[in-house]
Amino acid sequence: MLGQVIDDRYEIQQSLGYSGRQTFIALDLETQQPVVVKLLKFGGDLSWEQLRLFEREASILQQLDHPAIPRYLDSFELDLPDCRGFVLVQTYLEAKSLEDHLRAGRSFSEPEVKQIAEQLLDILAYLHTQNPAIVHRDIKPSNVLLRDRSGHHVGQVYLVDFGAVQNLVAAKGSTITVVGTYGYMPPEQFGGRAVPASDLYSLGATLIYLLTGTHPADLPQENLRIQFEAQTRLSNELSRWLRKLTEPGLDRRFSSAAQTLQSLRQPSSADIETSRSRPQGTHIRLIKGHNTLKVCIPRPAIGPSVPLPSVRGWGCILAVVLSYGWLLWVAIALINRLGVWLLSFLTEKQISFDSQQITVTYKLLEVIPALQRSLSLQQISQLERSEASYLKSDWGYLKNQAEITIWVGNYPLKLNKLGGLTTPELDWLEYELNSWLDLPVQRQKIRLTHQHPPH
């Protein structure tokens, strides 16, 4: 078709590609401006779904007015002896796609990626707040254009190719159609469902590609989460932000483009409402690195907070053991338990976080590593806080310590198992862990006999 004039107005000059439809650069003979011409040819391989998507793209582009989205110019039916089909004409943007930039060897720094993210989120906020909301469904590097780079500014970003676009009214009651690109599609989109947060996932996967230079589908996954941290060095804030952006579960992802943008610009104020300062006189050490966090909890001092039975309780235990000789094994078990308990008072607990894992180290006399365990950071599912309470038993009153528990899969990592941490210290640790892990704190609800110590 090169050189042909269609509709007595558009002279075809250059082919841009073919993916179910043909795309050309043409010259508008009336305005003498270059335009983009999309052609959906009639033929044996044309499906009704392709036709429906093409018509929807033309219809939705007519409704949009945003400087970073191509403008609708014209549409018509083409009827030539050698070519019949539908044509969509839109403004031409002289710019390379992010995909082209990457293939040319360009790399993107963290500040540049943030600038790209901000501009794309501005576009998505515009689309998602239309009535009804418009979901792009195919955000990826080849559909994002970039031009006019200058100084410290990454350039102007444009979002193109609305061939997979859907409004939420059209989605209701329609047949399931899987539209999108593998590696950039969130799990719900494979089931034919797309919501505004689906575009946010695709945006996150696109940014991960820019930062790692690796297609998201080629990166390792764990529980459907993209494991990108080992491929690049990012600030802890951006790493956590990207993890939340690409959460496989909709309920754990950002819910709107506006919320996502606020969290990117102000991660502390957007995700955490209050701040805690280091308690005066605490011996807990908290060390923050570029992408690491270490919490060192010293061995507890023996005092009123230690979870021991009362004197009366210990007396009952000894009386039972001495009364029945066959309960010698019980005494041995108690001695063993007491040994473990005493050993705990000689060890410091260190909990280290990085972008990949959480490592728990117990150091004897705060110097000699006695035990170490490493767990995957991606398995952390819950941050739990419970308050102190008292239980009455036949042996006296037993105290349930106020506790912070990090659930790593089915493994509960308890920070205050032997007591010794004050309420201000627990509040401080709760704030720091909530900030670093980006997990909401669950308040544990337990049915207890007493909420306050007995008199």
Protein backbone atom coordinates (compact mmCIF):
# COMPACT_ATOMS: atom_id res chain seq x y z
CA MET A 1 0.00 0.00 0.00
CA LEU A 2 3.00 2.30 0.16
CA GLY A 3 2.42 5.38 -1.99
CA GLN A 4 -1.35 4.89 -2.15
CA VAL A 5 -3.77 7.65 -1.18
CA ILE A 6 -6.80 6.43 0.75
CA ASP A 7 -10.03 8.34 1.26
CA ASP A 8 -8.58 10.96 -1.11
CA ARG A 9 -6.63 12.37 1.81
CA TYR A 10 -4.06 10.07 3.45
CA GLU A 11 -0.92 9.13 1.53
CA ILE A 12 0.65 5.95 2.94
CA GLN A 13 4.39 6.50 3.44
CA GLN A 14 5.82 3.94 5.87
CA SER A 15 4.82 0.67 7.52
CA LEU A 16 5.10 0.54 11.32
CA GLY A 17 4.13 -3.08 11.93
CA TYR A 18 1.53 -5.79 11.79
CA SER A 19 -0.13 -7.46 14.76
CA GLY A 20 -3.66 -8.41 13.79
CA ARG A 21 -3.88 -4.99 12.13
CA GLN A 22 -1.57 -3.01 9.87
CA THR A 23 -0.17 0.31 11.05
CA PHE A 24 1.30 2.99 8.79
CA ILE A 25 2.66 6.51 8.88
CA ALA A 26 0.75 8.59 6.35
CA LEU A 27 0.75 12.20 5.21
CA ASP A 28 -2.49 14.10 5.67
CA LEU A 29 -2.70 15.94 2.34
CA GLU A 30 -5.02 18.59 3.79
CA THR A 31 -2.93 19.55 6.81
CA GLN A 32 0.46 18.34 5.49
CA GLN A 33 1.00 16.68 8.89
CA PRO A 34 2.08 13.07 9.48
CA VAL A 35 -0.61 10.83 10.98
CA VAL A 36 -0.91 7.22 12.09
CA VAL A 37 -3.24 5.03 10.04
CA LYS A 38 -4.43 1.71 11.47
CA LEU A 39 -6.02 -0.74 9.06
CA LEU A 40 -8.06 -3.79 10.02
CA LYS A 41 -8.39 -5.78 6.80
CA PHE A 42 -11.40 -7.94 6.03
CA GLY A 43 -10.43 -11.50 5.34
CA GLY A 44 -10.75 -15.11 6.32
CA ASP A 45 -8.62 -14.71 9.46
CA LEU A 46 -10.58 -11.71 10.80
CA SER A 47 -12.49 -12.55 13.96
CA TRP A 48 -15.50 -10.79 15.42
CA GLU A 49 -13.43 -10.14 18.54
CA GLN A 50 -10.79 -8.26 16.50
CA LEU A 51 -13.53 -6.19 14.90
CA ARG A 52 -15.14 -5.45 18.26
CA LEU A 53 -11.81 -4.31 19.80
CA PHE A 54 -11.03 -2.13 16.77
CA GLU A 55 -14.40 -0.39 16.96
CA ARG A 56 -14.03 0.07 20.72
CA GLU A 57 -10.59 1.66 20.28
CA ALA A 58 -12.00 4.19 17.82
CA SER A 59 -14.99 4.92 20.04
CA ILE A 60 -12.96 5.43 23.22
CA LEU A 61 -10.25 7.54 21.57
CA GLN A 62 -12.97 9.96 20.48
CA GLN A 63 -13.87 10.48 24.16
CA LEU A 64 -10.32 11.15 25.39
CA ASP A 65 -8.51 14.46 25.61
CA HIS A 66 -5.11 14.12 27.27
CA PRO A 67 -1.79 15.52 25.97
CA ALA A 68 -0.01 12.18 26.52
CA ILE A 69 -2.59 10.10 24.58
CA PRO A 70 -2.85 10.12 20.75
CA ARG A 71 -5.88 12.09 19.52
CA TYR A 72 -8.57 10.56 17.36
CA LEU A 73 -8.72 12.22 13.92
CA ASP A 74 -10.85 10.09 11.62
CA SER A 75 -12.29 6.64 10.93
CA PHE A 76 -13.95 5.14 7.88
CA GLU A 77 -14.54 1.96 5.92
CA LEU A 78 -12.00 1.29 3.16
CA ASP A 79 -13.25 -0.29 -0.06
CA LEU A 80 -10.48 -0.72 -2.64
CA PRO A 81 -10.23 -3.45 -5.29
CA ASP A 82 -7.25 -5.02 -3.50
CA CYS A 83 -8.02 -4.02 0.08
CA ARG A 84 -11.19 -3.80 2.15
CA GLY A 85 -11.41 -3.04 5.85
CA PHE A 86 -11.80 -0.46 8.61
CA VAL A 87 -9.40 2.47 9.08
CA LEU A 88 -8.61 4.50 12.19
CA VAL A 89 -6.57 7.72 11.91
CA GLN A 90 -4.87 9.33 14.91
CA THR A 91 -2.12 11.85 15.63
CA TYR A 92 1.47 10.78 15.02
CA LEU A 93 4.03 11.06 17.81
CA GLU A 94 7.64 11.11 16.68
CA ALA A 95 9.14 9.16 19.56
CA LYS A 96 10.78 5.83 20.34
CA SER A 97 9.15 3.28 22.60
CA LEU A 98 10.75 2.23 25.87
CA GLU A 99 11.33 -1.14 24.21
CA ASP A 100 13.32 0.56 21.43
CA HIS A 101 15.39 2.50 23.96
CA LEU A 102 16.27 -0.70 25.85
CA ARG A 103 17.21 -2.57 22.67
CA ALA A 104 19.45 0.35 21.71
CA GLY A 105 21.37 -0.18 24.94
CA ARG A 106 19.92 2.61 27.04
CA SER A 107 19.63 1.97 30.76
CA PHE A 108 17.38 3.81 33.18
CA SER A 109 18.38 5.06 36.62
CA GLU A 110 16.09 4.95 39.63
CA PRO A 111 15.25 8.69 39.42
CA GLU A 112 14.44 8.31 35.71
CA VAL A 113 12.18 5.33 36.36
CA LYS A 114 10.37 7.32 39.03
CA GLN A 115 9.80 10.16 36.54
CA ILE A 116 8.40 7.71 33.99
CA ALA A 117 6.18 6.16 36.67
CA GLU A 118 4.81 9.55 37.72
CA GLN A 119 3.87 10.48 34.16
CA LEU A 120 2.23 7.11 33.46
CA LEU A 121 0.31 7.28 36.74
CA ASP A 122 -0.98 10.70 35.74
CA ILE A 123 -2.28 9.17 32.49
CA LEU A 124 -3.81 6.20 34.30
CA ALA A 125 -5.47 8.46 36.86
CA TYR A 126 -7.13 10.27 33.94
CA LEU A 127 -8.29 7.01 32.30
CA HIS A 128 -9.48 5.35 35.50
CA THR A 129 -11.53 8.36 36.61
CA GLN A 130 -13.54 8.48 33.38
CA ASN A 131 -17.19 7.50 33.71
CA PRO A 132 -17.17 4.58 33.19
CA ALA A 133 -13.54 3.86 34.07
CA ILE A 134 -11.28 2.97 31.13
CA VAL A 135 -8.75 0.16 31.56
CA HIS A 136 -5.91 0.00 29.02
CA ARG A 137 -5.16 -3.74 29.61
CA ASP A 138 -1.90 -3.80 27.65
CA ILE A 139 0.65 -1.51 29.31
CA LYS A 140 4.16 -2.63 28.34
CA PRO A 141 7.43 -1.02 27.15
CA SER A 142 6.47 -1.15 23.46
CA ASN A 143 3.27 0.80 24.17
CA VAL A 144 5.00 3.62 26.06
CA LEU A 145 6.76 6.29 23.98
CA LEU A 146 9.50 8.59 25.24
CA ARG A 147 10.96 11.73 23.67
CA ASP A 148 12.40 15.19 24.41
CA ARG A 149 15.02 14.10 26.93
CA SER A 150 16.82 17.08 28.46
CA GLY A 151 19.24 17.57 31.34
CA HIS A 152 18.04 15.72 34.40
CA HIS A 153 14.58 15.11 32.94
CA VAL A 154 13.92 11.69 31.45
CA GLY A 155 11.67 13.15 28.74
CA GLN A 156 7.98 13.23 27.84
CA VAL A 157 6.03 9.98 28.18
CA TYR A 158 3.08 8.93 26.00
CA LEU A 159 0.76 5.92 26.26
CA VAL A 160 -0.30 4.44 22.92
CA ASP A 161 -2.09 1.44 21.37
CA PHE A 162 -5.56 1.35 22.84
CA GLY A 163 -6.41 -1.78 20.88
CA ALA A 164 -7.04 -3.78 24.05
CA VAL A 165 -8.85 -1.00 25.92
CA GLN A 166 -12.02 -1.75 27.86
CA ASN A 167 -14.48 0.28 29.86
CA LEU A 168 -15.97 -1.35 32.92
CA VAL A 169 -19.54 -1.11 31.64
CA ALA A 170 -18.62 -3.06 28.51
CA ALA A 171 -16.88 -5.68 30.64
CA LYS A 172 -20.00 -6.56 32.63
CA GLY A 173 -21.98 -9.42 31.16
CA SER A 174 -19.63 -9.87 28.19
CA THR A 175 -17.95 -13.10 27.21
CA ILE A 176 -14.50 -13.78 28.64
CA THR A 177 -11.71 -12.47 26.43
CA VAL A 178 -8.08 -12.71 27.49
CA VAL A 179 -6.32 -9.60 26.21
CA GLY A 180 -2.84 -8.44 27.17
CA THR A 181 0.80 -9.49 26.98
CA TYR A 182 2.32 -12.38 28.92
CA GLY A 183 4.69 -11.17 31.62
CA TYR A 184 2.82 -7.89 32.04
CA MET A 185 -0.65 -9.27 32.75
CA PRO A 186 -1.81 -9.71 36.36
CA PRO A 187 -3.35 -13.05 37.36
CA GLU A 188 -6.95 -11.79 37.24
CA GLN A 189 -6.54 -10.79 33.59
CA PHE A 190 -5.90 -14.40 32.60
CA GLY A 191 -9.46 -15.07 33.71
CA GLY A 192 -10.80 -12.29 31.51
CA ARG A 193 -11.19 -9.82 34.37
CA ALA A 194 -9.59 -6.37 34.21
CA VAL A 195 -9.97 -3.52 36.70
CA PRO A 196 -7.98 -0.29 37.19
CA ALA A 197 -5.57 -2.08 39.54
CA SER A 198 -4.78 -4.46 36.65
CA ASP A 199 -3.15 -1.56 34.81
CA LEU A 200 -1.13 -0.79 37.94
CA TYR A 201 0.32 -4.31 37.93
CA SER A 202 1.27 -3.94 34.24
CA LEU A 203 2.89 -0.60 35.03
CA GLY A 204 4.93 -2.24 37.80
CA ALA A 205 6.06 -5.05 35.49
CA THR A 206 7.06 -2.46 32.87
CA LEU A 207 9.14 -0.52 35.41
CA ILE A 208 10.80 -3.75 36.56
CA TYR A 209 11.83 -4.39 32.94
CA LEU A 210 13.36 -0.90 32.74
CA LEU A 211 15.32 -1.43 35.96
CA THR A 212 16.53 -4.99 35.33
CA GLY A 213 16.73 -5.09 31.53
CA THR A 214 15.03 -8.49 31.75
CA HIS A 215 11.55 -9.35 30.53
CA PRO A 216 9.33 -9.98 33.59
CA ALA A 217 8.40 -13.43 32.25
CA ASP A 218 12.10 -14.38 32.36
CA LEU A 219 12.57 -13.36 35.98
CA PRO A 220 12.10 -15.98 38.72
CA GLN A 221 8.77 -16.12 40.52
CA GLU A 222 7.71 -17.26 43.96
CA ASN A 223 4.00 -17.61 44.75
CA LEU A 224 3.30 -15.66 41.53
CA ARG A 225 5.42 -12.72 42.76
CA ILE A 226 8.12 -11.42 40.43
CA GLN A 227 11.53 -11.81 42.09
CA PHE A 228 13.34 -8.74 40.75
CA GLU A 229 15.39 -7.51 43.71
CA ALA A 230 18.48 -9.64 43.03
CA GLN A 231 18.74 -8.23 39.48
CA THR A 232 19.21 -4.61 40.48
CA ARG A 233 20.14 -2.28 43.34
CA LEU A 234 17.18 -0.19 44.41
CA SER A 235 16.35 1.93 47.39
CA ASN A 236 14.28 0.11 49.97
CA GLU A 237 11.39 2.51 49.36
CA LEU A 238 11.18 1.87 45.61
CA SER A 239 11.65 -1.88 46.06
CA ARG A 240 8.74 -2.07 48.52
CA TRP A 241 6.63 0.16 46.28
CA LEU A 242 7.22 -2.11 43.26
CA ARG A 243 6.46 -5.22 45.31
CA LYS A 244 3.11 -3.77 46.32
CA LEU A 245 2.43 -2.62 42.76
CA THR A 246 2.95 -6.15 41.42
CA GLU A 247 1.20 -8.10 44.16
CA PRO A 248 -0.63 -11.03 42.52
CA GLY A 249 -3.62 -10.54 44.83
CA LEU A 250 -5.86 -7.57 44.05
CA ASP A 251 -6.56 -6.99 47.74
CA ARG A 252 -2.85 -6.43 48.47
CA ARG A 253 -2.15 -4.18 45.48
CA PHE A 254 -2.60 -0.42 45.32
CA SER A 255 -6.25 0.30 44.58
CA SER A 256 -5.94 3.50 42.52
CA ALA A 257 -3.45 5.44 40.44
CA ALA A 258 -3.77 8.43 42.78
CA GLN A 259 -2.90 6.32 45.83
CA THR A 260 0.01 4.76 43.95
CA LEU A 261 1.37 8.16 42.93
CA GLN A 262 1.09 9.52 46.48
CA SER A 263 2.95 6.49 47.83
CA LEU A 264 5.71 6.96 45.24
CA ARG A 265 6.18 10.63 46.09
CA GLN A 266 5.72 10.35 49.85
CA PRO A 267 6.23 6.73 50.92
CA SER A 268 6.24 7.49 54.65
CA SER A 269 3.17 9.69 54.85
CA ALA A 270 1.21 7.65 52.31
CA ASP A 271 1.61 4.26 53.94
CA ILE A 272 2.19 5.02 57.61
CA GLU A 273 0.05 7.41 59.57
CA THR A 274 2.14 7.87 62.68
CA SER A 275 5.81 7.90 63.52
CA ARG A 276 7.63 6.48 66.53
CA SER A 277 10.95 7.62 67.89
CA ARG A 278 13.56 5.42 69.55
CA PRO A 279 12.55 4.92 73.21
CA GLN A 280 14.86 6.57 75.71
CA GLY A 281 17.15 4.10 77.47
CA THR A 282 16.40 1.13 75.18
CA HIS A 283 19.17 -1.40 74.56
CA ILE A 284 17.63 -2.60 71.30
CA ARG A 285 19.83 -1.77 68.32
CA LEU A 286 18.21 -1.02 64.97
CA ILE A 287 20.56 -0.66 61.99
CA LYS A 288 19.30 0.53 58.59
CA GLY A 289 21.34 0.08 55.41
CA HIS A 290 20.77 0.86 51.72
CA ASN A 291 18.38 -2.04 51.35
CA THR A 292 18.71 -3.80 54.70
CA LEU A 293 17.34 -3.68 58.21
CA LYS A 294 18.83 -5.35 61.29
CA VAL A 295 17.11 -5.59 64.67
CA CYS A 296 19.27 -6.70 67.62
CA ILE A 297 17.31 -7.65 70.73
CA PRO A 298 19.57 -8.08 73.78
CA ARG A 299 19.21 -10.97 76.20
CA PRO A 300 16.46 -10.11 78.70
CA ALA A 301 17.14 -9.30 82.31
CA ILE A 302 15.44 -11.43 84.93
CA GLY A 303 12.69 -9.36 86.46
CA PRO A 304 8.96 -9.09 86.98
CA SER A 305 8.29 -9.29 83.23
CA VAL A 306 9.88 -12.74 82.89
CA PRO A 307 7.22 -15.40 82.17
CA LEU A 308 7.75 -17.61 85.22
CA PRO A 309 5.10 -19.36 87.27
CA SER A 310 4.58 -17.92 90.74
CA VAL A 311 6.46 -19.26 93.78
CA ARG A 312 3.35 -21.21 94.72
CA GLY A 313 3.32 -22.66 91.21
CA TRP A 314 6.92 -23.91 91.43
CA GLY A 315 6.11 -25.42 94.84
CA CYS A 316 3.24 -27.39 93.36
CA ILE A 317 5.46 -28.69 90.57
CA LEU A 318 8.14 -29.90 93.01
CA ALA A 319 5.55 -31.49 95.32
CA VAL A 320 4.08 -33.54 92.49
CA VAL A 321 7.51 -34.71 91.31
CA LEU A 322 8.65 -35.74 94.83
CA SER A 323 5.37 -37.56 95.59
CA TYR A 324 5.58 -39.89 92.61
CA GLY A 325 8.89 -41.56 91.81
CA TRP A 326 7.68 -42.67 88.40
CA LEU A 327 7.42 -38.99 87.47
CA LEU A 328 11.19 -38.71 87.39
CA TRP A 329 10.99 -38.25 83.63
CA VAL A 330 8.83 -35.21 84.25
CA ALA A 331 11.60 -33.76 86.39
CA ILE A 332 14.13 -34.43 83.63
CA ALA A 333 11.87 -32.71 81.13
CA LEU A 334 11.49 -29.74 83.44
CA ILE A 335 15.25 -29.52 83.94
CA ASN A 336 15.73 -29.66 80.17
CA ARG A 337 13.14 -26.94 79.71
CA LEU A 338 14.78 -24.86 82.41
CA GLY A 339 18.13 -25.29 80.64
CA VAL A 340 16.69 -24.00 77.39
CA TRP A 341 15.12 -21.13 79.30
CA LEU A 342 18.42 -20.24 80.98
CA LEU A 343 20.27 -20.50 77.65
CA SER A 344 17.83 -18.01 76.19
CA PHE A 345 18.91 -15.49 78.81
CA LEU A 346 22.48 -15.81 77.57
CA THR A 347 21.73 -15.18 73.89
CA GLU A 348 21.05 -12.07 71.84
CA LYS A 349 18.54 -12.32 68.99
CA GLN A 350 19.45 -10.63 65.70
CA ILE A 351 16.87 -10.39 62.91
CA SER A 352 18.27 -9.23 59.57
CA PHE A 353 16.19 -8.30 56.52
CA ASP A 354 17.38 -7.73 52.97
CA SER A 355 15.59 -7.74 49.62
CA GLN A 356 15.60 -11.54 49.44
CA GLN A 357 15.43 -13.10 52.88
CA ILE A 358 15.08 -12.75 56.62
CA THR A 359 17.86 -14.23 58.76
CA VAL A 360 17.48 -14.95 62.47
CA THR A 361 20.73 -15.36 64.44
CA TYR A 362 21.09 -16.22 68.13
CA LYS A 363 24.42 -15.12 69.62
CA LEU A 364 25.66 -16.65 72.87
CA LEU A 365 26.80 -13.90 75.25
CA GLU A 366 26.13 -11.51 72.32
CA VAL A 367 29.35 -12.69 70.61
CA ILE A 368 29.29 -16.37 69.58
CA PRO A 369 26.73 -17.35 66.87
CA ALA A 370 24.82 -20.28 68.39
CA LEU A 371 21.99 -20.76 65.87
CA GLN A 372 21.03 -19.26 62.54
CA ARG A 373 17.97 -19.66 60.36
CA SER A 374 17.22 -18.07 56.97
CA LEU A 375 13.74 -17.68 55.50
CA SER A 376 12.40 -16.17 52.28
CA LEU A 377 11.23 -12.58 52.62
CA GLN A 378 8.43 -13.28 50.14
CA GLN A 379 6.94 -15.83 52.55
CA ILE A 380 6.21 -13.15 55.16
CA SER A 381 2.43 -13.00 55.23
CA GLN A 382 1.47 -11.17 58.41
CA LEU A 383 2.72 -8.83 61.12
CA GLU A 384 0.84 -9.47 64.36
CA ARG A 385 0.67 -7.57 67.68
CA SER A 386 -0.84 -8.90 70.90
CA GLU A 387 -1.08 -7.19 74.28
CA ALA A 388 -0.05 -8.55 77.69
CA SER A 389 -2.61 -10.58 79.68
CA TYR A 390 -2.79 -13.03 82.58
CA LEU A 391 -4.16 -16.57 82.72
CA LYS A 392 -5.19 -18.27 85.92
CA SER A 393 -4.17 -21.92 86.30
CA ASP A 394 -3.96 -24.49 89.07
CA TRP A 395 -0.31 -23.53 89.50
CA GLY A 396 -0.90 -19.83 89.82
CA TYR A 397 -1.03 -16.98 87.37
CA LEU A 398 0.81 -17.18 84.06
CA LYS A 399 1.57 -14.07 82.09
CA ASN A 400 1.13 -13.87 78.32
CA GLN A 401 3.72 -11.34 77.22
CA ALA A 402 2.88 -8.49 74.90
CA GLU A 403 4.24 -9.76 71.62
CA ILE A 404 5.09 -8.91 68.04
CA THR A 405 4.98 -11.91 65.72
CA ILE A 406 6.25 -12.01 62.15
CA TRP A 407 4.53 -14.87 60.34
CA VAL A 408 6.89 -16.42 57.77
CA GLY A 409 4.68 -19.00 56.11
CA ASN A 410 3.53 -21.17 59.03
CA TYR A 411 6.51 -20.21 61.20
CA PRO A 412 5.84 -17.60 63.92
CA LEU A 413 8.92 -15.47 64.60
CA LYS A 414 8.31 -13.91 68.03
CA LEU A 415 10.29 -10.87 69.13
CA ASN A 416 9.36 -10.86 72.83
CA LYS A 417 9.06 -14.56 73.61
CA LEU A 418 10.77 -14.27 77.01
CA GLY A 419 9.50 -10.82 77.85
CA GLY A 420 11.76 -7.93 78.74
CA LEU A 421 10.55 -5.52 76.05
CA THR A 422 8.60 -2.50 77.21
CA THR A 423 5.47 -1.16 75.56
CA PRO A 424 7.34 1.85 74.04
CA GLU A 425 9.94 -0.58 72.62
CA LEU A 426 7.23 -2.77 71.11
CA ASP A 427 5.48 0.30 69.67
CA TRP A 428 8.77 1.44 68.12
CA LEU A 429 9.54 -1.99 66.64
CA GLU A 430 5.98 -2.28 65.34
CA TYR A 431 6.34 1.03 63.52
CA GLU A 432 9.75 0.20 62.04
CA LEU A 433 8.69 -3.28 60.87
CA ASN A 434 5.43 -1.98 59.47
CA SER A 435 7.37 0.66 57.55
CA TRP A 436 10.03 -1.73 56.22
CA LEU A 437 7.81 -4.73 55.41
CA ASP A 438 4.90 -2.59 54.19
CA LEU A 439 2.46 -4.91 55.96
CA PRO A 440 -0.57 -3.85 58.01
CA VAL A 441 -0.37 -4.80 61.68
CA GLN A 442 -2.98 -7.36 62.72
CA ARG A 443 -4.25 -7.05 66.28
CA GLN A 444 -4.48 -10.50 67.83
CA LYS A 445 -7.72 -11.22 69.65
CA ILE A 446 -7.52 -13.98 72.30
CA ARG A 447 -10.11 -14.94 74.91
CA LEU A 448 -8.36 -14.53 78.25
CA THR A 449 -9.26 -15.05 81.90
CA HIS A 450 -7.68 -11.79 83.10
CA GLN A 451 -6.58 -8.68 81.25
CA HIS A 452 -4.79 -7.23 84.28
CA PRO A 453 -2.39 -8.74 86.84
CA PRO A 454 -3.98 -10.23 89.95
CA HIS A 455 -3.75 -8.40 93.26
